[in-house]
Structures are given as C-alpha cells and as structure tokens.
Amino acid sequence: MTDRVDIDLEELAALVELLRDADFSEFRYENRDVRIVVRRGEVAGDPTDHAPASATSATTSSDGARPAPTTATTATAPEPGPGETVVTAPLLGTFYGAPKPGEPPFVQVGNRVGPDSVLCIVEVMKLMNSVTAGVDGVVTAVHASDGELVEFGQPLFTLGAVDA
C-alpha cells in the first residue's frame, strides 16, 4: 500500500516559477505532510545536518502593498561572540521588518526580546512567516533590509545575552 500525498499543482507550478529566477543554493518548503527540498550546485556539509531554525507561523495577508523585493545579498553568518545568537532566515523569501508598510519595525537594535518575540516576517508566495527570536536576548544587529530577498540560512539578526 502506498501513501498518497496531495500536492496543489498550481501552488507547485508557482513555486517552480519563483525559484527559476532566484539565486539560491538550497530551498525548503513544508506544507502539512509535504516537504520539498531543492538544491542547486554542491551543498557543503551533510545534507541531513540541519541548523536549528527559528520557529515560524504562516499567516495569509490580503495586504498587497509591500515594497518590491531587492536582490539577495550574499552573506555569511557573522561569527557570534560569547553569549550571542544569530537568527537566520528559515526559508527563501522577502524580508519585512515591520508588520505593515509605514508601521514601526518589530524590533530595533537595543530592544530586549524573548523566545516568542517576533523579529520580522519572511514572505514567500503570499504567505507571511513570522520569525521569532527563539531565545532571550537583546538585538545587537539587523543584517537584512526591508524588501530584501533573503535565502534559507541567511543571517537576519544578532542577539546578545541579556545582562543580569
């Protein structure tokens, strides 16, 4: 007996179209029981070795007034200092630092955050994925700009330890 997985072919076609022109080395897509991993070129390290990703929650948005995405920057994760944590993009998409255009950002350098604090949104295919801190800390750096196309694993924020 084979397991049957339902895939929305229209959504899959839109995903393929999105990836066709994107500059990336690895893309992961998860929706219910469907998991798709697309890789280009050689992937360094063990493909089963996954860095812990920040928690995400997908919500849909009827807001179509987002700025046009800019091209992706090639960034390597900054070396975290003692007690620092680098929060990376959980998937390929467009980075937004505020809930809506014209509103203040979720966080700024110097803000104290908790594990469930939303730091930004990464949008892919009209799905808004909230990226949370995952740890207690203080925002010490923001590595992405509003409207920037970010890749899976690209550094977004550096969080420092909370002084006691």
C-alpha atoms as a PDB file:
ATOM      1  CA  MET A   1       0.000   0.000   0.000  1.00  0.00           C
ATOM      2  CA  THR A   2       1.438   3.372  -0.964  1.00  0.00           C
ATOM      3  CA  ASP A   3       0.864   6.605   0.896  1.00  0.00           C
ATOM      4  CA  ARG A   4      -0.865   9.287  -1.148  1.00  0.00           C
ATOM      5  CA  VAL A   5       0.231  12.887  -0.749  1.00  0.00           C
ATOM      6  CA  ASP A   6      -1.960  15.605  -2.172  1.00  0.00           C
ATOM      7  CA  ILE A   7       0.024  18.418  -3.766  1.00  0.00           C
ATOM      8  CA  ASP A   8      -1.632  21.528  -5.124  1.00  0.00           C
ATOM      9  CA  LEU A   9      -0.181  21.522  -8.651  1.00  0.00           C
ATOM     10  CA  GLU A  10      -0.971  25.204  -9.156  1.00  0.00           C
ATOM     11  CA  GLU A  11       0.957  26.071  -5.994  1.00  0.00           C
ATOM     12  CA  LEU A  12       3.838  23.801  -7.064  1.00  0.00           C
ATOM     13  CA  ALA A  13       3.973  25.470 -10.501  1.00  0.00           C
ATOM     14  CA  ALA A  14       4.074  28.918  -8.839  1.00  0.00           C
ATOM     15  CA  LEU A  15       6.892  27.707  -6.580  1.00  0.00           C
ATOM     16  CA  VAL A  16       8.912  26.429  -9.557  1.00  0.00           C
ATOM     17  CA  GLU A  17       8.385  29.760 -11.336  1.00  0.00           C
ATOM     18  CA  LEU A  18       9.547  31.671  -8.250  1.00  0.00           C
ATOM     19  CA  LEU A  19      12.674  29.545  -7.943  1.00  0.00           C
ATOM     20  CA  ARG A  20      13.554  29.676 -11.646  1.00  0.00           C
ATOM     21  CA  ASP A  21      14.950  33.225 -11.409  1.00  0.00           C
ATOM     22  CA  ALA A  22      16.016  33.191  -7.752  1.00  0.00           C
ATOM     23  CA  ASP A  23      19.649  32.981  -6.708  1.00  0.00           C
ATOM     24  CA  PHE A  24      19.838  30.259  -4.049  1.00  0.00           C
ATOM     25  CA  SER A  25      21.703  27.083  -3.202  1.00  0.00           C
ATOM     26  CA  GLU A  26      19.022  25.356  -1.126  1.00  0.00           C
ATOM     27  CA  PHE A  27      15.283  25.887  -0.711  1.00  0.00           C
ATOM     28  CA  ARG A  28      13.000  24.043   1.707  1.00  0.00           C
ATOM     29  CA  TYR A  29       9.211  24.043   1.510  1.00  0.00           C
ATOM     30  CA  GLU A  30       6.897  22.447   4.053  1.00  0.00           C
ATOM     31  CA  ASN A  31       3.111  22.422   3.995  1.00  0.00           C
ATOM     32  CA  ARG A  32       1.281  19.924   6.157  1.00  0.00           C
ATOM     33  CA  ASP A  33       2.721  16.497   5.206  1.00  0.00           C
ATOM     34  CA  VAL A  34       4.511  17.743   2.068  1.00  0.00           C
ATOM     35  CA  ARG A  35       8.223  18.554   2.282  1.00  0.00           C
ATOM     36  CA  ILE A  36      10.218  19.648  -0.740  1.00  0.00           C
ATOM     37  CA  VAL A  37      13.960  20.357  -0.761  1.00  0.00           C
ATOM     38  CA  VAL A  38      15.506  21.858  -3.895  1.00  0.00           C
ATOM     39  CA  ARG A  39      19.296  22.219  -4.139  1.00  0.00           C
ATOM     40  CA  ARG A  40      21.493  23.835  -6.770  1.00  0.00           C
ATOM     41  CA  GLY A  41      25.208  23.146  -7.113  1.00  0.00           C
ATOM     42  CA  GLU A  42      27.224  21.464  -4.414  1.00  0.00           C
ATOM     43  CA  VAL A  43      25.913  21.717  -0.890  1.00  0.00           C
ATOM     44  CA  ALA A  44      28.572  21.919   1.807  1.00  0.00           C
ATOM     45  CA  GLY A  45      28.225  19.599   4.768  1.00  0.00           C
ATOM     46  CA  ASP A  46      25.966  16.676   5.440  1.00  0.00           C
ATOM     47  CA  PRO A  47      22.557  17.168   3.783  1.00  0.00           C
ATOM     48  CA  THR A  48      20.913  15.639   6.856  1.00  0.00           C
ATOM     49  CA  ASP A  49      22.664  18.126   9.156  1.00  0.00           C
ATOM     50  CA  HIS A  50      20.154  20.914   9.747  1.00  0.00           C
ATOM     51  CA  ALA A  51      20.895  24.046  11.720  1.00  0.00           C
ATOM     52  CA  PRO A  52      18.101  24.820  14.158  1.00  0.00           C
ATOM     53  CA  ALA A  53      15.674  27.208  12.502  1.00  0.00           C
ATOM     54  CA  SER A  54      13.640  29.825  14.291  1.00  0.00           C
ATOM     55  CA  ALA A  55      10.012  28.965  14.831  1.00  0.00           C
ATOM     56  CA  THR A  56       7.707  30.139  12.117  1.00  0.00           C
ATOM     57  CA  SER A  57       3.995  30.504  11.805  1.00  0.00           C
ATOM     58  CA  ALA A  58       2.350  31.108   8.465  1.00  0.00           C
ATOM     59  CA  THR A  59      -0.495  33.532   8.043  1.00  0.00           C
ATOM     60  CA  THR A  60      -2.033  34.819   4.904  1.00  0.00           C
ATOM     61  CA  SER A  61      -2.263  38.503   4.146  1.00  0.00           C
ATOM     62  CA  SER A  62      -4.575  40.425   1.880  1.00  0.00           C
ATOM     63  CA  ASP A  63      -2.124  43.334   2.048  1.00  0.00           C
ATOM     64  CA  GLY A  64      -0.622  43.627  -1.431  1.00  0.00           C
ATOM     65  CA  ALA A  65       1.106  46.939  -0.725  1.00  0.00           C
ATOM     66  CA  ARG A  66       4.574  45.616   0.030  1.00  0.00           C
ATOM     67  CA  PRO A  67       7.674  47.236  -1.480  1.00  0.00           C
ATOM     68  CA  ALA A  68       9.276  45.469  -4.437  1.00  0.00           C
ATOM     69  CA  PRO A  69      11.937  43.000  -3.295  1.00  0.00           C
ATOM     70  CA  THR A  70      15.561  43.831  -3.882  1.00  0.00           C
ATOM     71  CA  THR A  71      18.112  41.270  -4.998  1.00  0.00           C
ATOM     72  CA  ALA A  72      19.536  38.855  -2.465  1.00  0.00           C
ATOM     73  CA  THR A  73      22.792  39.706  -0.791  1.00  0.00           C
ATOM     74  CA  THR A  74      25.435  37.072  -0.340  1.00  0.00           C
ATOM     75  CA  ALA A  75      26.026  36.990   3.352  1.00  0.00           C
ATOM     76  CA  THR A  76      27.732  34.574   5.653  1.00  0.00           C
ATOM     77  CA  ALA A  77      26.702  34.319   9.247  1.00  0.00           C
ATOM     78  CA  PRO A  78      28.708  36.707  11.381  1.00  0.00           C
ATOM     79  CA  GLU A  79      30.806  34.951  13.971  1.00  0.00           C
ATOM     80  CA  PRO A  80      28.747  35.187  17.145  1.00  0.00           C
ATOM     81  CA  GLY A  81      30.627  36.368  20.195  1.00  0.00           C
ATOM     82  CA  PRO A  82      30.253  34.842  23.641  1.00  0.00           C
ATOM     83  CA  GLY A  83      26.565  34.694  24.540  1.00  0.00           C
ATOM     84  CA  GLU A  84      25.437  35.861  21.081  1.00  0.00           C
ATOM     85  CA  THR A  85      22.922  34.098  18.837  1.00  0.00           C
ATOM     86  CA  VAL A  86      22.485  34.629  15.096  1.00  0.00           C
ATOM     87  CA  VAL A  87      18.882  34.284  13.900  1.00  0.00           C
ATOM     88  CA  THR A  88      18.779  33.115  10.280  1.00  0.00           C
ATOM     89  CA  ALA A  89      16.114  33.033   7.570  1.00  0.00           C
ATOM     90  CA  PRO A  90      14.051  29.837   7.891  1.00  0.00           C
ATOM     91  CA  LEU A  91      13.283  29.891   4.147  1.00  0.00           C
ATOM     92  CA  LEU A  92      13.856  31.784   0.922  1.00  0.00           C
ATOM     93  CA  GLY A  93      11.624  34.839   0.685  1.00  0.00           C
ATOM     94  CA  THR A  94      11.253  38.581   1.095  1.00  0.00           C
ATOM     95  CA  PHE A  95      12.295  40.140   4.418  1.00  0.00           C
ATOM     96  CA  TYR A  96       9.973  42.611   6.128  1.00  0.00           C
ATOM     97  CA  GLY A  97      10.985  44.233   9.415  1.00  0.00           C
ATOM     98  CA  ALA A  98       7.547  45.718  10.151  1.00  0.00           C
ATOM     99  CA  PRO A  99       4.038  44.224  10.280  1.00  0.00           C
ATOM    100  CA  LYS A 100       2.795  46.585   7.525  1.00  0.00           C
ATOM    101  CA  PRO A 101       4.310  49.327   5.380  1.00  0.00           C
ATOM    102  CA  GLY A 102       4.541  52.580   7.322  1.00  0.00           C
ATOM    103  CA  GLU A 103       4.347  50.903  10.739  1.00  0.00           C
ATOM    104  CA  PRO A 104       7.278  50.790  13.171  1.00  0.00           C
ATOM    105  CA  PRO A 105       9.591  47.755  12.933  1.00  0.00           C
ATOM    106  CA  PHE A 106       9.009  44.696  15.110  1.00  0.00           C
ATOM    107  CA  VAL A 107      12.412  45.272  16.774  1.00  0.00           C
ATOM    108  CA  GLN A 108      15.347  47.667  16.641  1.00  0.00           C
ATOM    109  CA  VAL A 109      18.925  47.436  17.874  1.00  0.00           C
ATOM    110  CA  GLY A 110      18.846  47.642  21.656  1.00  0.00           C
ATOM    111  CA  ASN A 111      15.407  46.030  22.098  1.00  0.00           C
ATOM    112  CA  ARG A 112      15.135  43.180  24.585  1.00  0.00           C
ATOM    113  CA  VAL A 113      13.371  40.096  23.176  1.00  0.00           C
ATOM    114  CA  GLY A 114      12.071  36.786  24.467  1.00  0.00           C
ATOM    115  CA  PRO A 115      11.937  33.387  22.748  1.00  0.00           C
ATOM    116  CA  ASP A 116       8.471  34.074  21.276  1.00  0.00           C
ATOM    117  CA  SER A 117       9.178  37.682  20.215  1.00  0.00           C
ATOM    118  CA  VAL A 118       8.532  38.237  16.507  1.00  0.00           C
ATOM    119  CA  LEU A 119      11.605  39.806  14.885  1.00  0.00           C
ATOM    120  CA  CYS A 120      10.424  40.013  11.275  1.00  0.00           C
ATOM    121  CA  ILE A 121       8.334  38.434   8.529  1.00  0.00           C
ATOM    122  CA  VAL A 122       9.680  36.408   5.608  1.00  0.00           C
ATOM    123  CA  GLU A 123       7.131  36.302   2.771  1.00  0.00           C
ATOM    124  CA  VAL A 124       7.031  33.560   0.177  1.00  0.00           C
ATOM    125  CA  MET A 125       4.175  33.084  -2.272  1.00  0.00           C
ATOM    126  CA  LYS A 126       1.877  35.484  -0.360  1.00  0.00           C
ATOM    127  CA  LEU A 127       2.403  33.535   2.888  1.00  0.00           C
ATOM    128  CA  MET A 128       3.725  35.658   5.743  1.00  0.00           C
ATOM    129  CA  ASN A 129       6.041  33.629   8.001  1.00  0.00           C
ATOM    130  CA  SER A 130       6.804  35.181  11.387  1.00  0.00           C
ATOM    131  CA  VAL A 131      10.404  34.671  12.524  1.00  0.00           C
ATOM    132  CA  THR A 132      10.805  34.535  16.294  1.00  0.00           C
ATOM    133  CA  ALA A 133      13.908  35.084  18.418  1.00  0.00           C
ATOM    134  CA  GLY A 134      13.993  31.577  19.898  1.00  0.00           C
ATOM    135  CA  VAL A 135      15.987  32.842  22.906  1.00  0.00           C
ATOM    136  CA  ASP A 136      16.037  35.643  25.467  1.00  0.00           C
ATOM    137  CA  GLY A 137      18.356  38.401  24.314  1.00  0.00           C
ATOM    138  CA  VAL A 138      18.993  41.945  23.153  1.00  0.00           C
ATOM    139  CA  VAL A 139      19.025  42.847  19.449  1.00  0.00           C
ATOM    140  CA  THR A 140      22.611  43.889  18.658  1.00  0.00           C
ATOM    141  CA  ALA A 141      22.450  43.887  14.836  1.00  0.00           C
ATOM    142  CA  VAL A 142      19.965  43.696  11.954  1.00  0.00           C
ATOM    143  CA  HIS A 143      21.527  42.112   8.845  1.00  0.00           C
ATOM    144  CA  ALA A 144      18.700  42.476   6.281  1.00  0.00           C
ATOM    145  CA  SER A 145      16.832  45.411   4.769  1.00  0.00           C
ATOM    146  CA  ASP A 146      13.103  45.793   4.273  1.00  0.00           C
ATOM    147  CA  GLY A 147      12.045  44.281   0.943  1.00  0.00           C
ATOM    148  CA  GLU A 148      15.318  42.331   0.537  1.00  0.00           C
ATOM    149  CA  LEU A 149      15.199  38.803  -0.907  1.00  0.00           C
ATOM    150  CA  VAL A 150      16.813  36.543   1.692  1.00  0.00           C
ATOM    151  CA  GLU A 151      17.983  32.968   1.295  1.00  0.00           C
ATOM    152  CA  PHE A 152      17.478  29.998   3.600  1.00  0.00           C
ATOM    153  CA  GLY A 153      20.066  30.257   6.381  1.00  0.00           C
ATOM    154  CA  GLN A 154      20.999  33.881   5.679  1.00  0.00           C
ATOM    155  CA  PRO A 155      21.689  35.826   8.899  1.00  0.00           C
ATOM    156  CA  LEU A 156      18.886  38.247   9.776  1.00  0.00           C
ATOM    157  CA  PHE A 157      19.648  39.336  13.349  1.00  0.00           C
ATOM    158  CA  THR A 158      22.321  39.011  16.014  1.00  0.00           C
ATOM    159  CA  LEU A 159      21.060  38.765  19.584  1.00  0.00           C
ATOM    160  CA  GLY A 160      23.303  39.386  22.576  1.00  0.00           C
ATOM    161  CA  ALA A 161      22.950  37.902  26.020  1.00  0.00           C
ATOM    162  CA  VAL A 162      20.692  39.675  28.490  1.00  0.00           C
ATOM    163  CA  ASP A 163      22.679  41.321  31.302  1.00  0.00           C
ATOM    164  CA  ALA A 164      21.597  40.039  34.673  1.00  0.00           C
END
